[in-house]
Every structure is written in C-alpha cells, then in structure tokens.
Amino acid sequence: MAALPLAPDAANHASLVDALNASGFAVIGTPEDAIAQIARLKEQSGGFGTFLLMGHEWADTEATRRSYELFARYVAPVFQGSAETLTASRNWAAENRPEFIGAAGQAIMSSIERHAAEKKSSTTSATRTSTNSAEADKT
C-alpha cells in the first residue's frame, strides 16, 4: 500500500489515462502499447527477470480478464522468446511464398493434366470394349 497518490491529478478520465501512460506508471491501451512500455523499461534498466501486473478494481471482472488474456497472448510471448519461432516461421513462409505458389500451381496443373489423360484413356477403353462387344454379337 502506497502512502502517496498513485494517480496524477486529472480533470477527466481521458486526461487521467494520458497522464498515467505518459508517466510510465501504467499502460492503458493496446498490446502494442504494453510491448513498447515494457521494452522502454527493459532498455532503461538494462534488463530484468520478472514483470508483475498490478491487480485492482478499476475495471469490471470481464474487462480485467480480457486485459490479462491480451497480455498473455500478445505481450508476454514477445519478452519470453516464445513468439520468436512463430515469427521466424511466418517470415520464412512469406519470403518463400512465390516459390510455394509456383509449386502449388504446378502441382494443380499436373493433376488436371493427369486427370484429363486418365479420362481420355478410360473413354478410349470404353469405346474399344463397346466395339469388341458389338463384334462378338455379330458372330
């Protein structure tokens, strides 16, 4: 429990949010805002091992849970390193997309051509079988 005001003086909700964000005391905004603030803290401190979230009753339970979910899904992985392999994989796939699209297009065309050849072959076989049956009926 702090013996000093935790929030700066503000005339309204919007100015309070702006003052808290500007002071660095809080991050009220998007996951990108939280990432930027934690990166600033990391840079200023030279690095740290743990980042703690303060639980309070400024928002209702559902909004608080949503905030924790966003933090867990989008912010924490950036600093835990767990997003690195996913990001690297996405970047690799994006860089190699032209090759993949070309290979996929080639595979599709190959399958279409093979199907057409099989269809032509089965039609020719069916015609031969009909002709052979007709000739057998004549004898």
N, C-alpha and C. Protein backbone atom coordinates (compact mmCIF):
# COMPACT_ATOMS: atom_id res chain seq x y z
N MET A 1 0.85 -1.17 0.00
CA MET A 1 0.00 0.00 0.00
C MET A 1 0.89 1.23 0.00
N ALA A 2 0.65 2.08 -0.92
CA ALA A 2 1.47 3.29 -1.03
C ALA A 2 0.84 4.41 -0.20
N ALA A 3 1.69 5.22 0.38
CA ALA A 3 1.21 6.35 1.18
C ALA A 3 1.19 7.62 0.36
N LEU A 4 1.27 7.51 -0.92
CA LEU A 4 1.26 8.68 -1.78
C LEU A 4 0.22 8.47 -2.87
N PRO A 5 -0.21 9.52 -3.51
CA PRO A 5 -1.20 9.33 -4.59
C PRO A 5 -0.61 8.49 -5.72
N LEU A 6 -1.34 7.46 -6.10
CA LEU A 6 -0.87 6.59 -7.18
C LEU A 6 -1.16 7.20 -8.55
N ALA A 7 -2.21 7.97 -8.63
CA ALA A 7 -2.60 8.54 -9.91
C ALA A 7 -2.38 10.05 -9.90
N PRO A 8 -1.90 10.58 -10.99
CA PRO A 8 -1.72 12.02 -11.08
C PRO A 8 -3.06 12.74 -11.10
N ASP A 9 -3.05 14.01 -10.73
CA ASP A 9 -4.27 14.81 -10.81
C ASP A 9 -4.71 14.92 -12.26
N ALA A 10 -5.99 14.75 -12.48
CA ALA A 10 -6.53 14.85 -13.84
C ALA A 10 -7.95 15.38 -13.77
N ALA A 11 -8.33 16.10 -14.80
CA ALA A 11 -9.66 16.71 -14.84
C ALA A 11 -10.74 15.70 -15.24
N ASN A 12 -10.38 14.71 -16.04
CA ASN A 12 -11.36 13.73 -16.50
C ASN A 12 -10.67 12.40 -16.80
N HIS A 13 -11.46 11.43 -17.18
CA HIS A 13 -10.95 10.08 -17.43
C HIS A 13 -9.88 10.07 -18.52
N ALA A 14 -10.13 10.74 -19.64
CA ALA A 14 -9.18 10.75 -20.75
C ALA A 14 -7.85 11.37 -20.35
N SER A 15 -7.89 12.47 -19.60
CA SER A 15 -6.63 13.10 -19.20
C SER A 15 -5.91 12.25 -18.15
N LEU A 16 -6.66 11.51 -17.33
CA LEU A 16 -6.05 10.60 -16.37
C LEU A 16 -5.31 9.48 -17.11
N VAL A 17 -5.95 8.91 -18.11
CA VAL A 17 -5.31 7.85 -18.91
C VAL A 17 -4.05 8.39 -19.56
N ASP A 18 -4.14 9.56 -20.17
CA ASP A 18 -2.96 10.16 -20.82
C ASP A 18 -1.84 10.40 -19.81
N ALA A 19 -2.19 10.91 -18.62
CA ALA A 19 -1.18 11.21 -17.59
C ALA A 19 -0.53 9.93 -17.08
N LEU A 20 -1.32 8.88 -16.86
CA LEU A 20 -0.76 7.61 -16.40
C LEU A 20 0.17 7.00 -17.45
N ASN A 21 -0.27 7.02 -18.70
CA ASN A 21 0.58 6.49 -19.77
C ASN A 21 1.86 7.30 -19.92
N ALA A 22 1.74 8.61 -19.87
CA ALA A 22 2.92 9.48 -20.04
C ALA A 22 3.92 9.31 -18.90
N SER A 23 3.41 9.06 -17.69
CA SER A 23 4.30 8.90 -16.54
C SER A 23 5.04 7.57 -16.56
N GLY A 24 4.50 6.61 -17.32
CA GLY A 24 5.08 5.27 -17.32
C GLY A 24 4.59 4.43 -16.16
N PHE A 25 3.74 4.98 -15.32
CA PHE A 25 3.21 4.26 -14.17
C PHE A 25 2.24 3.17 -14.61
N ALA A 26 1.57 3.38 -15.73
CA ALA A 26 0.58 2.42 -16.21
C ALA A 26 0.63 2.36 -17.73
N VAL A 27 0.06 1.33 -18.26
CA VAL A 27 -0.15 1.21 -19.70
C VAL A 27 -1.63 0.92 -19.88
N ILE A 28 -2.32 1.89 -20.40
CA ILE A 28 -3.74 1.72 -20.70
C ILE A 28 -3.86 1.91 -22.20
N GLY A 29 -4.08 0.80 -22.89
CA GLY A 29 -4.11 0.86 -24.34
C GLY A 29 -4.08 -0.52 -24.96
N THR A 30 -3.37 -0.65 -26.05
CA THR A 30 -3.32 -1.88 -26.83
C THR A 30 -2.15 -2.76 -26.37
N PRO A 31 -2.14 -4.02 -26.81
CA PRO A 31 -0.97 -4.85 -26.54
C PRO A 31 0.32 -4.22 -27.08
N GLU A 32 0.24 -3.54 -28.21
CA GLU A 32 1.42 -2.88 -28.77
C GLU A 32 1.93 -1.79 -27.83
N ASP A 33 1.00 -1.07 -27.18
CA ASP A 33 1.39 -0.06 -26.19
C ASP A 33 2.13 -0.70 -25.02
N ALA A 34 1.62 -1.85 -24.56
CA ALA A 34 2.27 -2.56 -23.44
C ALA A 34 3.65 -3.06 -23.85
N ILE A 35 3.76 -3.58 -25.05
CA ILE A 35 5.06 -4.06 -25.54
C ILE A 35 6.06 -2.91 -25.57
N ALA A 36 5.63 -1.75 -26.08
CA ALA A 36 6.51 -0.59 -26.18
C ALA A 36 6.95 -0.13 -24.79
N GLN A 37 6.04 -0.11 -23.82
CA GLN A 37 6.38 0.34 -22.47
C GLN A 37 7.35 -0.63 -21.79
N ILE A 38 7.10 -1.91 -21.91
CA ILE A 38 7.99 -2.89 -21.29
C ILE A 38 9.36 -2.84 -21.96
N ALA A 39 9.39 -2.64 -23.27
CA ALA A 39 10.68 -2.50 -23.97
C ALA A 39 11.44 -1.28 -23.44
N ARG A 40 10.72 -0.17 -23.19
CA ARG A 40 11.37 1.03 -22.62
C ARG A 40 11.94 0.72 -21.24
N LEU A 41 11.16 0.05 -20.40
CA LEU A 41 11.63 -0.31 -19.06
C LEU A 41 12.85 -1.23 -19.13
N LYS A 42 12.81 -2.17 -20.04
CA LYS A 42 13.94 -3.10 -20.21
C LYS A 42 15.20 -2.34 -20.62
N GLU A 43 15.02 -1.42 -21.54
CA GLU A 43 16.16 -0.60 -22.01
C GLU A 43 16.70 0.28 -20.88
N GLN A 44 15.81 0.93 -20.16
CA GLN A 44 16.22 1.82 -19.06
C GLN A 44 16.94 1.07 -17.94
N SER A 45 16.47 -0.14 -17.65
CA SER A 45 17.02 -0.89 -16.51
C SER A 45 18.19 -1.79 -16.88
N GLY A 46 18.38 -1.99 -18.16
CA GLY A 46 19.41 -2.93 -18.58
C GLY A 46 18.92 -4.37 -18.57
N GLY A 47 17.65 -4.56 -18.31
CA GLY A 47 17.04 -5.89 -18.30
C GLY A 47 16.57 -6.27 -16.92
N PHE A 48 15.58 -7.12 -16.86
CA PHE A 48 15.05 -7.59 -15.58
C PHE A 48 14.46 -8.97 -15.79
N GLY A 49 14.25 -9.68 -14.71
CA GLY A 49 13.79 -11.05 -14.81
C GLY A 49 12.29 -11.23 -14.79
N THR A 50 11.58 -10.38 -14.07
CA THR A 50 10.14 -10.57 -13.91
C THR A 50 9.41 -9.24 -14.04
N PHE A 51 8.27 -9.30 -14.70
CA PHE A 51 7.40 -8.14 -14.81
C PHE A 51 6.09 -8.51 -14.13
N LEU A 52 5.67 -7.71 -13.17
CA LEU A 52 4.45 -8.00 -12.43
C LEU A 52 3.32 -7.09 -12.88
N LEU A 53 2.13 -7.65 -12.96
CA LEU A 53 0.93 -6.88 -13.25
C LEU A 53 0.24 -6.56 -11.94
N MET A 54 -0.27 -5.36 -11.82
CA MET A 54 -0.98 -4.97 -10.61
C MET A 54 -2.48 -5.24 -10.80
N GLY A 55 -3.03 -6.04 -9.92
CA GLY A 55 -4.46 -6.30 -9.95
C GLY A 55 -5.19 -5.25 -9.12
N HIS A 56 -6.24 -4.69 -9.64
CA HIS A 56 -7.00 -3.66 -8.93
C HIS A 56 -8.45 -3.73 -9.39
N GLU A 57 -9.26 -2.85 -8.93
CA GLU A 57 -10.68 -2.87 -9.28
C GLU A 57 -11.07 -1.66 -10.12
N TRP A 58 -10.21 -1.27 -11.02
CA TRP A 58 -10.52 -0.14 -11.88
C TRP A 58 -11.44 -0.54 -13.03
N ALA A 59 -11.48 -1.82 -13.35
CA ALA A 59 -12.33 -2.31 -14.44
C ALA A 59 -13.16 -3.47 -13.90
N ASP A 60 -14.25 -3.78 -14.60
CA ASP A 60 -15.06 -4.92 -14.16
C ASP A 60 -14.31 -6.22 -14.42
N THR A 61 -14.82 -7.31 -13.87
CA THR A 61 -14.14 -8.60 -13.93
C THR A 61 -13.89 -9.05 -15.37
N GLU A 62 -14.90 -8.92 -16.22
CA GLU A 62 -14.75 -9.36 -17.62
C GLU A 62 -13.67 -8.56 -18.34
N ALA A 63 -13.65 -7.25 -18.16
CA ALA A 63 -12.63 -6.41 -18.82
C ALA A 63 -11.24 -6.73 -18.27
N THR A 64 -11.16 -7.01 -16.98
CA THR A 64 -9.87 -7.36 -16.38
C THR A 64 -9.37 -8.69 -16.95
N ARG A 65 -10.26 -9.67 -17.05
CA ARG A 65 -9.86 -10.97 -17.65
C ARG A 65 -9.42 -10.78 -19.10
N ARG A 66 -10.13 -9.95 -19.84
CA ARG A 66 -9.76 -9.70 -21.24
C ARG A 66 -8.38 -9.05 -21.31
N SER A 67 -8.09 -8.14 -20.40
CA SER A 67 -6.78 -7.50 -20.35
C SER A 67 -5.69 -8.53 -20.09
N TYR A 68 -5.93 -9.42 -19.12
CA TYR A 68 -4.94 -10.46 -18.82
C TYR A 68 -4.76 -11.41 -20.01
N GLU A 69 -5.85 -11.72 -20.68
CA GLU A 69 -5.77 -12.60 -21.86
C GLU A 69 -4.93 -11.95 -22.97
N LEU A 70 -5.19 -10.68 -23.24
CA LEU A 70 -4.42 -9.97 -24.27
C LEU A 70 -2.94 -9.93 -23.89
N PHE A 71 -2.66 -9.69 -22.62
CA PHE A 71 -1.27 -9.65 -22.16
C PHE A 71 -0.61 -11.01 -22.36
N ALA A 72 -1.32 -12.07 -21.96
CA ALA A 72 -0.76 -13.42 -22.07
C ALA A 72 -0.57 -13.85 -23.52
N ARG A 73 -1.48 -13.46 -24.40
CA ARG A 73 -1.41 -13.92 -25.80
C ARG A 73 -0.46 -13.09 -26.66
N TYR A 74 -0.38 -11.79 -26.41
CA TYR A 74 0.35 -10.93 -27.33
C TYR A 74 1.58 -10.23 -26.74
N VAL A 75 1.57 -9.95 -25.45
CA VAL A 75 2.67 -9.18 -24.85
C VAL A 75 3.74 -10.11 -24.29
N ALA A 76 3.35 -10.99 -23.38
CA ALA A 76 4.33 -11.86 -22.72
C ALA A 76 5.17 -12.67 -23.71
N PRO A 77 4.59 -13.26 -24.77
CA PRO A 77 5.44 -14.05 -25.68
C PRO A 77 6.58 -13.26 -26.32
N VAL A 78 6.39 -11.97 -26.49
CA VAL A 78 7.45 -11.14 -27.08
C VAL A 78 8.68 -11.14 -26.18
N PHE A 79 8.46 -11.10 -24.87
CA PHE A 79 9.57 -11.00 -23.93
C PHE A 79 10.03 -12.35 -23.40
N GLN A 80 9.23 -13.39 -23.59
CA GLN A 80 9.60 -14.73 -23.16
C GLN A 80 10.36 -15.47 -24.25
N GLY A 81 10.36 -14.91 -25.45
CA GLY A 81 11.03 -15.57 -26.56
C GLY A 81 10.16 -16.63 -27.23
N SER A 82 8.96 -16.87 -26.71
CA SER A 82 8.11 -17.91 -27.29
C SER A 82 7.48 -17.50 -28.61
N ALA A 83 7.54 -16.24 -28.94
CA ALA A 83 6.99 -15.79 -30.23
C ALA A 83 8.04 -15.81 -31.33
N GLU A 84 9.31 -15.97 -30.96
CA GLU A 84 10.40 -15.88 -31.95
C GLU A 84 10.30 -16.93 -33.04
N THR A 85 10.05 -18.19 -32.66
CA THR A 85 9.98 -19.24 -33.68
C THR A 85 8.76 -19.06 -34.57
N LEU A 86 7.63 -18.62 -33.97
CA LEU A 86 6.44 -18.39 -34.79
C LEU A 86 6.66 -17.24 -35.77
N THR A 87 7.28 -16.18 -35.28
CA THR A 87 7.56 -15.03 -36.14
C THR A 87 8.55 -15.41 -37.23
N ALA A 88 9.59 -16.15 -36.88
CA ALA A 88 10.58 -16.58 -37.88
C ALA A 88 9.93 -17.47 -38.93
N SER A 89 9.05 -18.37 -38.49
CA SER A 89 8.36 -19.26 -39.43
C SER A 89 7.46 -18.47 -40.38
N ARG A 90 6.72 -17.50 -39.82
CA ARG A 90 5.86 -16.66 -40.66
C ARG A 90 6.68 -15.88 -41.67
N ASN A 91 7.80 -15.30 -41.21
CA ASN A 91 8.65 -14.53 -42.11
C ASN A 91 9.24 -15.41 -43.21
N TRP A 92 9.68 -16.63 -42.84
CA TRP A 92 10.25 -17.56 -43.82
C TRP A 92 9.21 -17.93 -44.87
N ALA A 93 7.98 -18.23 -44.41
CA ALA A 93 6.91 -18.59 -45.34
C ALA A 93 6.59 -17.42 -46.27
N ALA A 94 6.57 -16.20 -45.73
CA ALA A 94 6.29 -15.02 -46.55
C ALA A 94 7.40 -14.79 -47.58
N GLU A 95 8.65 -14.97 -47.17
CA GLU A 95 9.78 -14.79 -48.10
C GLU A 95 9.78 -15.83 -49.21
N ASN A 96 9.31 -17.03 -48.92
CA ASN A 96 9.32 -18.13 -49.89
C ASN A 96 7.98 -18.33 -50.59
N ARG A 97 7.06 -17.42 -50.36
CA ARG A 97 5.72 -17.54 -50.93
C ARG A 97 5.72 -17.70 -52.46
N PRO A 98 6.50 -16.91 -53.19
CA PRO A 98 6.48 -17.08 -54.65
C PRO A 98 6.85 -18.50 -55.09
N GLU A 99 7.85 -19.08 -54.44
CA GLU A 99 8.24 -20.45 -54.78
C GLU A 99 7.12 -21.43 -54.45
N PHE A 100 6.50 -21.26 -53.28
CA PHE A 100 5.43 -22.15 -52.87
C PHE A 100 4.22 -22.03 -53.80
N ILE A 101 3.88 -20.80 -54.16
CA ILE A 101 2.73 -20.59 -55.06
C ILE A 101 3.02 -21.23 -56.41
N GLY A 102 4.24 -21.07 -56.90
CA GLY A 102 4.62 -21.69 -58.18
C GLY A 102 4.53 -23.20 -58.11
N ALA A 103 5.03 -23.80 -57.04
CA ALA A 103 4.98 -25.25 -56.88
C ALA A 103 3.53 -25.72 -56.76
N ALA A 104 2.72 -24.99 -56.02
CA ALA A 104 1.31 -25.37 -55.86
C ALA A 104 0.59 -25.28 -57.20
N GLY A 105 0.83 -24.21 -57.95
CA GLY A 105 0.22 -24.08 -59.28
C GLY A 105 0.64 -25.20 -60.21
N GLN A 106 1.91 -25.54 -60.16
CA GLN A 106 2.43 -26.62 -61.00
C GLN A 106 1.80 -27.96 -60.60
N ALA A 107 1.64 -28.21 -59.32
CA ALA A 107 1.01 -29.45 -58.85
C ALA A 107 -0.45 -29.52 -59.30
N ILE A 108 -1.14 -28.40 -59.24
CA ILE A 108 -2.54 -28.37 -59.68
C ILE A 108 -2.63 -28.67 -61.18
N MET A 109 -1.80 -28.02 -61.96
CA MET A 109 -1.82 -28.25 -63.41
C MET A 109 -1.46 -29.70 -63.74
N SER A 110 -0.49 -30.25 -63.03
CA SER A 110 -0.09 -31.64 -63.25
C SER A 110 -1.25 -32.58 -62.95
N SER A 111 -1.98 -32.33 -61.88
CA SER A 111 -3.13 -33.16 -61.53
C SER A 111 -4.24 -33.04 -62.56
N ILE A 112 -4.47 -31.82 -63.05
CA ILE A 112 -5.50 -31.62 -64.09
C ILE A 112 -5.13 -32.39 -65.35
N GLU A 113 -3.87 -32.29 -65.75
CA GLU A 113 -3.41 -33.00 -66.95
C GLU A 113 -3.51 -34.52 -66.78
N ARG A 114 -3.11 -35.02 -65.60
CA ARG A 114 -3.18 -36.46 -65.33
C ARG A 114 -4.63 -36.93 -65.36
N HIS A 115 -5.53 -36.14 -64.77
CA HIS A 115 -6.95 -36.50 -64.77
C HIS A 115 -7.49 -36.53 -66.20
N ALA A 116 -7.12 -35.53 -66.98
CA ALA A 116 -7.60 -35.48 -68.38
C ALA A 116 -7.09 -36.70 -69.15
N ALA A 117 -5.83 -37.08 -68.92
CA ALA A 117 -5.26 -38.24 -69.61
C ALA A 117 -5.97 -39.53 -69.17
N GLU A 118 -6.25 -39.65 -67.88
CA GLU A 118 -6.96 -40.83 -67.37
C GLU A 118 -8.37 -40.89 -67.94
N LYS A 119 -9.01 -39.74 -68.01
CA LYS A 119 -10.38 -39.69 -68.55
C LYS A 119 -10.38 -40.09 -70.02
N LYS A 120 -9.40 -39.58 -70.76
CA LYS A 120 -9.29 -39.91 -72.20
C LYS A 120 -9.01 -41.40 -72.36
N SER A 121 -8.13 -41.94 -71.52
CA SER A 121 -7.78 -43.35 -71.59
C SER A 121 -8.99 -44.23 -71.28
N SER A 122 -9.76 -43.86 -70.26
CA SER A 122 -10.93 -44.68 -69.90
C SER A 122 -12.01 -44.56 -70.96
N THR A 123 -12.14 -43.42 -71.61
CA THR A 123 -13.12 -43.25 -72.69
C THR A 123 -12.71 -44.11 -73.88
N THR A 124 -11.42 -44.12 -74.20
CA THR A 124 -10.91 -44.93 -75.31
C THR A 124 -11.12 -46.40 -74.99
N SER A 125 -10.85 -46.83 -73.76
CA SER A 125 -11.04 -48.22 -73.36
C SER A 125 -12.50 -48.60 -73.45
N ALA A 126 -13.38 -47.73 -73.02
CA ALA A 126 -14.82 -48.00 -73.06
C ALA A 126 -15.29 -48.12 -74.50
N THR A 127 -14.75 -47.31 -75.41
CA THR A 127 -15.12 -47.37 -76.82
C THR A 127 -14.66 -48.69 -77.41
N ARG A 128 -13.43 -49.11 -77.08
CA ARG A 128 -12.90 -50.38 -77.57
C ARG A 128 -13.75 -51.54 -77.05
N THR A 129 -14.13 -51.51 -75.78
CA THR A 129 -14.93 -52.57 -75.19
C THR A 129 -16.28 -52.65 -75.88
N SER A 130 -16.90 -51.51 -76.18
CA SER A 130 -18.19 -51.49 -76.89
C SER A 130 -18.04 -52.08 -78.28
N THR A 131 -16.97 -51.68 -78.95
CA THR A 131 -16.74 -52.17 -80.30
C THR A 131 -16.51 -53.67 -80.27
N ASN A 132 -15.72 -54.17 -79.34
CA ASN A 132 -15.46 -55.60 -79.21
C ASN A 132 -16.74 -56.35 -78.90
N SER A 133 -17.59 -55.80 -78.05
CA SER A 133 -18.86 -56.45 -77.70
C SER A 133 -19.77 -56.51 -78.91
N ALA A 134 -19.78 -55.42 -79.67
CA ALA A 134 -20.63 -55.39 -80.87
C ALA A 134 -20.16 -56.40 -81.87
N GLU A 135 -18.85 -56.56 -82.04
CA GLU A 135 -18.31 -57.53 -82.98
C GLU A 135 -18.59 -58.94 -82.50
N ALA A 136 -18.54 -59.17 -81.21
CA ALA A 136 -18.81 -60.50 -80.66
C ALA A 136 -20.28 -60.86 -80.88
N ASP A 137 -21.16 -59.87 -80.81
CA ASP A 137 -22.58 -60.14 -81.04
C ASP A 137 -22.86 -60.52 -82.47
N LYS A 138 -22.05 -60.03 -83.42
CA LYS A 138 -22.24 -60.31 -84.83
C LYS A 138 -21.87 -61.75 -85.15
N THR A 139 -20.98 -62.32 -84.40
CA THR A 139 -20.52 -63.67 -84.73
C THR A 139 -21.37 -64.73 -84.18
